[in-house]
Amino acid sequence: MEKSAREMTFVEGKSGVFSILGRALSYPDKTLADDLTGGGLGNGLAAAFTPFSSNGILHQLTGLKNLYEKEPPESVLLQLEKDYTWMCFASKPRLVYLFESIYREGRLFQESTFQIARLYREAGLEWVGEFQLPPDHIAMELEFMAYLCFCEAEAVRLGDLEKEEYARKLQTEVLEKHLRPFGLAFSQRMEMHAGTDFYRLIARVLGSMLKN
């Protein structure tokens, strides 16, 4: 029972971190800015990241609220939009690639796109009908990992060894063949080129999780 409790804390922490990272690496919106200035995002990410953390990153996460709490959410949103747009859309050559297929094959909707879409289907998800972004967008792959970790946690809770092992198998395939090589390159480039503390820190958390 004690072992299961430790496993649950670890797996639920992974699910929480990947989910928040996926949200943070989608195009910034008002909800993100409100959560950032209100402290919810930093506190939530710090809590989920605790089982995996270095004290340096944890300290920076808990300090996110102090960085932005005195600024109006509208101003923070504008900063994030400018930084994200410059890194991921406007810079020439592009500083940060949002899509695994561009990282791997240099173009959108290539073989890696369809490989990750196949894994979505194996997990019971149909990305075309449910999501607006291509399946190999960094935010989508992170949300997918969050979902697989959630499935693992549910299986542990129910004592369903078969589903637990299947969720872990899919996580391994996603990480080794897709998210880890793509995400590490992404995090390195974002940390190098980000103009805001927020995106630099998000890149550090992503890199730390994928190296774990």
C-alpha atoms as a PDB file:
ATOM      1  CA  MET A   1       0.000   0.000   0.000  1.00  0.00           C
ATOM      2  CA  GLU A   2       2.836   2.364   0.874  1.00  0.00           C
ATOM      3  CA  LYS A   3       4.520   1.641  -2.436  1.00  0.00           C
ATOM      4  CA  SER A   4       1.290   2.439  -4.298  1.00  0.00           C
ATOM      5  CA  ALA A   5       1.014   5.766  -2.470  1.00  0.00           C
ATOM      6  CA  ARG A   6       4.543   6.721  -3.517  1.00  0.00           C
ATOM      7  CA  GLU A   7       3.836   5.641  -7.083  1.00  0.00           C
ATOM      8  CA  MET A   8       0.631   7.668  -7.141  1.00  0.00           C
ATOM      9  CA  THR A   9       2.419  10.808  -5.949  1.00  0.00           C
ATOM     10  CA  PHE A  10       5.086  10.397  -8.609  1.00  0.00           C
ATOM     11  CA  VAL A  11       2.722   9.589 -11.480  1.00  0.00           C
ATOM     12  CA  GLU A  12       0.185  12.273 -10.552  1.00  0.00           C
ATOM     13  CA  GLY A  13       3.039  14.760 -10.315  1.00  0.00           C
ATOM     14  CA  LYS A  14       4.145  13.860 -13.852  1.00  0.00           C
ATOM     15  CA  SER A  15       0.605  14.268 -15.123  1.00  0.00           C
ATOM     16  CA  GLY A  16       0.295  17.666 -13.452  1.00  0.00           C
ATOM     17  CA  VAL A  17       3.620  18.989 -14.729  1.00  0.00           C
ATOM     18  CA  PHE A  18       3.062  17.848 -18.313  1.00  0.00           C
ATOM     19  CA  SER A  19      -0.471  19.266 -18.329  1.00  0.00           C
ATOM     20  CA  ILE A  20       0.650  22.690 -17.081  1.00  0.00           C
ATOM     21  CA  LEU A  21       3.572  22.717 -19.519  1.00  0.00           C
ATOM     22  CA  GLY A  22       1.183  21.910 -22.357  1.00  0.00           C
ATOM     23  CA  ARG A  23      -1.011  24.817 -21.367  1.00  0.00           C
ATOM     24  CA  ALA A  24       1.969  27.145 -20.981  1.00  0.00           C
ATOM     25  CA  LEU A  25       3.307  26.276 -24.438  1.00  0.00           C
ATOM     26  CA  SER A  26       0.048  26.810 -26.294  1.00  0.00           C
ATOM     27  CA  TYR A  27      -0.442  30.301 -27.718  1.00  0.00           C
ATOM     28  CA  PRO A  28      -0.823  32.609 -24.679  1.00  0.00           C
ATOM     29  CA  ASP A  29      -4.326  33.769 -23.780  1.00  0.00           C
ATOM     30  CA  LYS A  30      -6.099  35.805 -21.093  1.00  0.00           C
ATOM     31  CA  THR A  31      -6.644  32.773 -18.860  1.00  0.00           C
ATOM     32  CA  LEU A  32      -2.904  32.072 -18.813  1.00  0.00           C
ATOM     33  CA  ALA A  33      -2.076  35.702 -17.985  1.00  0.00           C
ATOM     34  CA  ASP A  34      -4.701  35.808 -15.216  1.00  0.00           C
ATOM     35  CA  ASP A  35      -3.400  32.578 -13.693  1.00  0.00           C
ATOM     36  CA  LEU A  36       0.190  33.791 -13.915  1.00  0.00           C
ATOM     37  CA  THR A  37      -0.451  37.160 -12.250  1.00  0.00           C
ATOM     38  CA  GLY A  38      -2.679  35.525  -9.629  1.00  0.00           C
ATOM     39  CA  GLY A  39       0.016  33.032  -8.671  1.00  0.00           C
ATOM     40  CA  GLY A  40      -1.995  29.919  -9.457  1.00  0.00           C
ATOM     41  CA  LEU A  41       0.181  28.753 -12.323  1.00  0.00           C
ATOM     42  CA  GLY A  42       3.476  29.112 -10.486  1.00  0.00           C
ATOM     43  CA  ASN A  43       2.161  27.514  -7.299  1.00  0.00           C
ATOM     44  CA  GLY A  44       0.484  24.662  -9.183  1.00  0.00           C
ATOM     45  CA  LEU A  45       3.569  23.903 -11.233  1.00  0.00           C
ATOM     46  CA  ALA A  46       5.804  24.072  -8.155  1.00  0.00           C
ATOM     47  CA  ALA A  47       3.555  21.621  -6.283  1.00  0.00           C
ATOM     48  CA  ALA A  48       3.448  19.146  -9.184  1.00  0.00           C
ATOM     49  CA  PHE A  49       7.185  19.494  -9.878  1.00  0.00           C
ATOM     50  CA  THR A  50       8.307  18.901  -6.273  1.00  0.00           C
ATOM     51  CA  PRO A  51       8.987  15.121  -6.622  1.00  0.00           C
ATOM     52  CA  PHE A  52      11.352  15.751  -9.563  1.00  0.00           C
ATOM     53  CA  SER A  53      12.879  19.050  -8.694  1.00  0.00           C
ATOM     54  CA  SER A  54      16.098  20.793  -8.133  1.00  0.00           C
ATOM     55  CA  ASN A  55      15.744  23.421  -5.438  1.00  0.00           C
ATOM     56  CA  GLY A  56      16.852  26.128  -7.866  1.00  0.00           C
ATOM     57  CA  ILE A  57      13.971  25.568 -10.276  1.00  0.00           C
ATOM     58  CA  LEU A  58      11.473  25.179  -7.411  1.00  0.00           C
ATOM     59  CA  HIS A  59      12.568  28.500  -5.946  1.00  0.00           C
ATOM     60  CA  GLN A  60      12.098  30.186  -9.318  1.00  0.00           C
ATOM     61  CA  LEU A  61       8.646  28.637  -9.736  1.00  0.00           C
ATOM     62  CA  THR A  62       7.446  29.862  -6.364  1.00  0.00           C
ATOM     63  CA  GLY A  63       8.824  33.289  -7.300  1.00  0.00           C
ATOM     64  CA  LEU A  64       6.777  33.517 -10.519  1.00  0.00           C
ATOM     65  CA  LYS A  65       3.946  35.275  -8.709  1.00  0.00           C
ATOM     66  CA  ASN A  66       6.331  37.949  -7.404  1.00  0.00           C
ATOM     67  CA  LEU A  67       7.591  38.567 -10.942  1.00  0.00           C
ATOM     68  CA  TYR A  68       4.161  39.316 -12.359  1.00  0.00           C
ATOM     69  CA  GLU A  69       1.715  40.052  -9.525  1.00  0.00           C
ATOM     70  CA  LYS A  70       2.129  43.856  -9.703  1.00  0.00           C
ATOM     71  CA  GLU A  71       1.496  43.991 -13.439  1.00  0.00           C
ATOM     72  CA  PRO A  72      -1.968  44.083 -15.027  1.00  0.00           C
ATOM     73  CA  PRO A  73      -2.855  40.788 -16.740  1.00  0.00           C
ATOM     74  CA  GLU A  74      -3.321  42.684 -20.031  1.00  0.00           C
ATOM     75  CA  SER A  75       0.288  43.874 -19.906  1.00  0.00           C
ATOM     76  CA  VAL A  76       1.586  40.397 -19.053  1.00  0.00           C
ATOM     77  CA  LEU A  77      -0.437  38.870 -21.882  1.00  0.00           C
ATOM     78  CA  LEU A  78       1.031  41.354 -24.353  1.00  0.00           C
ATOM     79  CA  GLN A  79       4.573  40.497 -23.212  1.00  0.00           C
ATOM     80  CA  LEU A  80       3.916  36.775 -23.596  1.00  0.00           C
ATOM     81  CA  GLU A  81       2.272  37.170 -26.997  1.00  0.00           C
ATOM     82  CA  LYS A  82       5.179  39.228 -28.312  1.00  0.00           C
ATOM     83  CA  ASP A  83       7.792  36.793 -27.024  1.00  0.00           C
ATOM     84  CA  TYR A  84       5.976  33.647 -28.213  1.00  0.00           C
ATOM     85  CA  THR A  85       5.191  35.135 -31.628  1.00  0.00           C
ATOM     86  CA  TRP A  86       8.768  36.291 -32.162  1.00  0.00           C
ATOM     87  CA  MET A  87      10.365  32.984 -31.178  1.00  0.00           C
ATOM     88  CA  CYS A  88       7.894  30.654 -32.874  1.00  0.00           C
ATOM     89  CA  PHE A  89       6.412  32.541 -35.843  1.00  0.00           C
ATOM     90  CA  ALA A  90       8.106  35.800 -36.820  1.00  0.00           C
ATOM     91  CA  SER A  91      11.850  35.170 -36.445  1.00  0.00           C
ATOM     92  CA  LYS A  92      13.809  34.354 -39.606  1.00  0.00           C
ATOM     93  CA  PRO A  93      15.333  31.841 -39.449  1.00  0.00           C
ATOM     94  CA  ARG A  94      12.864  30.429 -36.927  1.00  0.00           C
ATOM     95  CA  LEU A  95      14.293  30.393 -33.414  1.00  0.00           C
ATOM     96  CA  VAL A  96      11.965  27.785 -31.877  1.00  0.00           C
ATOM     97  CA  TYR A  97      10.036  25.059 -33.720  1.00  0.00           C
ATOM     98  CA  LEU A  98       6.612  24.228 -32.294  1.00  0.00           C
ATOM     99  CA  PHE A  99       6.116  21.075 -34.370  1.00  0.00           C
ATOM    100  CA  GLU A 100       8.038  17.815 -34.189  1.00  0.00           C
ATOM    101  CA  SER A 101       7.749  17.288 -37.958  1.00  0.00           C
ATOM    102  CA  ILE A 102       9.556  20.568 -38.635  1.00  0.00           C
ATOM    103  CA  TYR A 103      12.245  19.636 -36.115  1.00  0.00           C
ATOM    104  CA  ARG A 104      12.698  16.168 -37.654  1.00  0.00           C
ATOM    105  CA  GLU A 105      11.805  16.509 -41.333  1.00  0.00           C
ATOM    106  CA  GLY A 106      11.804  20.255 -41.984  1.00  0.00           C
ATOM    107  CA  ARG A 107       8.126  20.437 -42.985  1.00  0.00           C
ATOM    108  CA  LEU A 108       4.674  20.146 -41.415  1.00  0.00           C
ATOM    109  CA  PHE A 109       2.581  16.971 -41.586  1.00  0.00           C
ATOM    110  CA  GLN A 110       5.356  14.498 -42.272  1.00  0.00           C
ATOM    111  CA  GLU A 111       5.861  10.903 -41.113  1.00  0.00           C
ATOM    112  CA  SER A 112       6.485  11.865 -37.476  1.00  0.00           C
ATOM    113  CA  THR A 113       3.090  13.636 -37.428  1.00  0.00           C
ATOM    114  CA  PHE A 114       1.279  10.476 -38.444  1.00  0.00           C
ATOM    115  CA  GLN A 115       3.339   8.324 -36.087  1.00  0.00           C
ATOM    116  CA  ILE A 116       2.302  10.375 -33.053  1.00  0.00           C
ATOM    117  CA  ALA A 117      -1.309  10.507 -34.304  1.00  0.00           C
ATOM    118  CA  ARG A 118      -1.278   6.698 -34.406  1.00  0.00           C
ATOM    119  CA  LEU A 119      -0.233   6.632 -30.747  1.00  0.00           C
ATOM    120  CA  TYR A 120      -3.128   8.969 -29.906  1.00  0.00           C
ATOM    121  CA  ARG A 121      -5.500   6.491 -31.523  1.00  0.00           C
ATOM    122  CA  GLU A 122      -3.921   3.574 -29.653  1.00  0.00           C
ATOM    123  CA  ALA A 123      -4.664   5.455 -26.428  1.00  0.00           C
ATOM    124  CA  GLY A 124      -8.293   5.977 -27.481  1.00  0.00           C
ATOM    125  CA  LEU A 125      -7.955   9.603 -28.629  1.00  0.00           C
ATOM    126  CA  GLU A 126      -8.949  10.969 -32.028  1.00  0.00           C
ATOM    127  CA  TRP A 127      -7.048  14.242 -32.320  1.00  0.00           C
ATOM    128  CA  VAL A 128      -8.760  15.399 -35.542  1.00  0.00           C
ATOM    129  CA  GLY A 129     -12.182  15.625 -33.958  1.00  0.00           C
ATOM    130  CA  GLU A 130     -11.146  16.880 -30.544  1.00  0.00           C
ATOM    131  CA  PHE A 131      -8.247  19.293 -30.990  1.00  0.00           C
ATOM    132  CA  GLN A 132      -7.436  22.395 -33.031  1.00  0.00           C
ATOM    133  CA  LEU A 133      -3.660  21.920 -33.178  1.00  0.00           C
ATOM    134  CA  PRO A 134      -1.734  19.332 -35.229  1.00  0.00           C
ATOM    135  CA  PRO A 135      -0.885  16.259 -33.144  1.00  0.00           C
ATOM    136  CA  ASP A 136       2.868  16.950 -33.191  1.00  0.00           C
ATOM    137  CA  HIS A 137       2.600  20.455 -31.689  1.00  0.00           C
ATOM    138  CA  ILE A 138       4.711  20.565 -28.512  1.00  0.00           C
ATOM    139  CA  ALA A 139       1.662  21.472 -26.402  1.00  0.00           C
ATOM    140  CA  MET A 140      -0.308  18.531 -27.796  1.00  0.00           C
ATOM    141  CA  GLU A 141       2.453  16.030 -27.122  1.00  0.00           C
ATOM    142  CA  LEU A 142       2.773  17.325 -23.556  1.00  0.00           C
ATOM    143  CA  GLU A 143      -0.978  17.088 -22.975  1.00  0.00           C
ATOM    144  CA  PHE A 144      -0.866  13.566 -24.385  1.00  0.00           C
ATOM    145  CA  MET A 145       1.830  12.597 -21.887  1.00  0.00           C
ATOM    146  CA  ALA A 146      -0.267  14.139 -19.108  1.00  0.00           C
ATOM    147  CA  TYR A 147      -3.205  12.004 -20.224  1.00  0.00           C
ATOM    148  CA  LEU A 148      -1.124   8.808 -20.310  1.00  0.00           C
ATOM    149  CA  CYS A 149       0.209   9.530 -16.811  1.00  0.00           C
ATOM    150  CA  PHE A 150      -3.361  10.115 -15.627  1.00  0.00           C
ATOM    151  CA  CYS A 151      -4.368   6.751 -17.141  1.00  0.00           C
ATOM    152  CA  GLU A 152      -1.480   5.088 -15.324  1.00  0.00           C
ATOM    153  CA  ALA A 153      -2.491   6.695 -12.022  1.00  0.00           C
ATOM    154  CA  GLU A 154      -6.083   5.530 -12.470  1.00  0.00           C
ATOM    155  CA  ALA A 155      -4.887   2.001 -13.229  1.00  0.00           C
ATOM    156  CA  VAL A 156      -2.705   1.985 -10.097  1.00  0.00           C
ATOM    157  CA  ARG A 157      -5.648   3.243  -8.044  1.00  0.00           C
ATOM    158  CA  LEU A 158      -7.904   0.478  -9.396  1.00  0.00           C
ATOM    159  CA  GLY A 159      -5.248  -2.222  -9.223  1.00  0.00           C
ATOM    160  CA  ASP A 160      -5.516  -2.846 -12.971  1.00  0.00           C
ATOM    161  CA  LEU A 161      -2.033  -4.102 -13.810  1.00  0.00           C
ATOM    162  CA  GLU A 162      -2.770  -4.613 -17.512  1.00  0.00           C
ATOM    163  CA  LYS A 163      -3.905  -1.010 -18.054  1.00  0.00           C
ATOM    164  CA  GLU A 164      -1.056   0.293 -15.905  1.00  0.00           C
ATOM    165  CA  GLU A 165       1.526  -1.536 -18.009  1.00  0.00           C
ATOM    166  CA  TYR A 166      -0.112  -0.418 -21.259  1.00  0.00           C
ATOM    167  CA  ALA A 167      -0.099   3.234 -20.155  1.00  0.00           C
ATOM    168  CA  ARG A 168       3.586   2.938 -19.256  1.00  0.00           C
ATOM    169  CA  LYS A 169       4.349   1.270 -22.588  1.00  0.00           C
ATOM    170  CA  LEU A 170       2.753   4.158 -24.489  1.00  0.00           C
ATOM    171  CA  GLN A 171       4.575   6.704 -22.313  1.00  0.00           C
ATOM    172  CA  THR A 172       7.900   5.050 -23.107  1.00  0.00           C
ATOM    173  CA  GLU A 173       7.172   5.051 -26.830  1.00  0.00           C
ATOM    174  CA  VAL A 174       6.062   8.686 -26.835  1.00  0.00           C
ATOM    175  CA  LEU A 175       9.078   9.790 -24.808  1.00  0.00           C
ATOM    176  CA  GLU A 176      11.778   7.804 -26.560  1.00  0.00           C
ATOM    177  CA  LYS A 177      10.571   8.204 -30.138  1.00  0.00           C
ATOM    178  CA  HIS A 178       8.978  11.649 -30.025  1.00  0.00           C
ATOM    179  CA  LEU A 179       8.784  13.943 -27.012  1.00  0.00           C
ATOM    180  CA  ARG A 180      12.245  13.527 -25.484  1.00  0.00           C
ATOM    181  CA  PRO A 181      14.385  14.270 -28.591  1.00  0.00           C
ATOM    182  CA  PHE A 182      11.993  16.941 -29.837  1.00  0.00           C
ATOM    183  CA  GLY A 183      11.292  18.444 -26.406  1.00  0.00           C
ATOM    184  CA  LEU A 184      14.937  18.666 -25.355  1.00  0.00           C
ATOM    185  CA  ALA A 185      15.851  20.507 -28.558  1.00  0.00           C
ATOM    186  CA  PHE A 186      12.798  22.722 -28.075  1.00  0.00           C
ATOM    187  CA  SER A 187      13.626  23.524 -24.444  1.00  0.00           C
ATOM    188  CA  GLN A 188      17.256  24.346 -25.235  1.00  0.00           C
ATOM    189  CA  ARG A 189      16.272  26.740 -28.005  1.00  0.00           C
ATOM    190  CA  MET A 190      13.497  28.374 -26.009  1.00  0.00           C
ATOM    191  CA  GLU A 191      15.704  28.899 -22.960  1.00  0.00           C
ATOM    192  CA  MET A 192      18.355  30.420 -25.204  1.00  0.00           C
ATOM    193  CA  HIS A 193      16.065  32.758 -27.140  1.00  0.00           C
ATOM    194  CA  ALA A 194      13.199  33.646 -24.767  1.00  0.00           C
ATOM    195  CA  GLY A 195      12.868  37.308 -23.927  1.00  0.00           C
ATOM    196  CA  THR A 196      10.691  36.742 -20.843  1.00  0.00           C
ATOM    197  CA  ASP A 197      11.474  35.058 -17.539  1.00  0.00           C
ATOM    198  CA  PHE A 198       8.293  33.014 -17.910  1.00  0.00           C
ATOM    199  CA  TYR A 199       9.272  31.204 -21.092  1.00  0.00           C
ATOM    200  CA  ARG A 200      12.874  30.750 -19.939  1.00  0.00           C
ATOM    201  CA  LEU A 201      11.633  29.052 -16.769  1.00  0.00           C
ATOM    202  CA  ILE A 202       9.067  26.917 -18.594  1.00  0.00           C
ATOM    203  CA  ALA A 203      11.870  25.748 -20.898  1.00  0.00           C
ATOM    204  CA  ARG A 204      14.024  24.809 -17.883  1.00  0.00           C
ATOM    205  CA  VAL A 205      11.203  22.809 -16.297  1.00  0.00           C
ATOM    206  CA  LEU A 206      10.549  20.995 -19.579  1.00  0.00           C
ATOM    207  CA  GLY A 207      14.221  20.144 -20.013  1.00  0.00           C
ATOM    208  CA  SER A 208      14.482  18.905 -16.432  1.00  0.00           C
ATOM    209  CA  MET A 209      11.411  16.660 -16.789  1.00  0.00           C
ATOM    210  CA  LEU A 210      12.633  15.122 -20.029  1.00  0.00           C
ATOM    211  CA  LYS A 211      16.107  14.433 -18.624  1.00  0.00           C
ATOM    212  CA  ASN A 212      14.651  12.699 -15.540  1.00  0.00           C
END
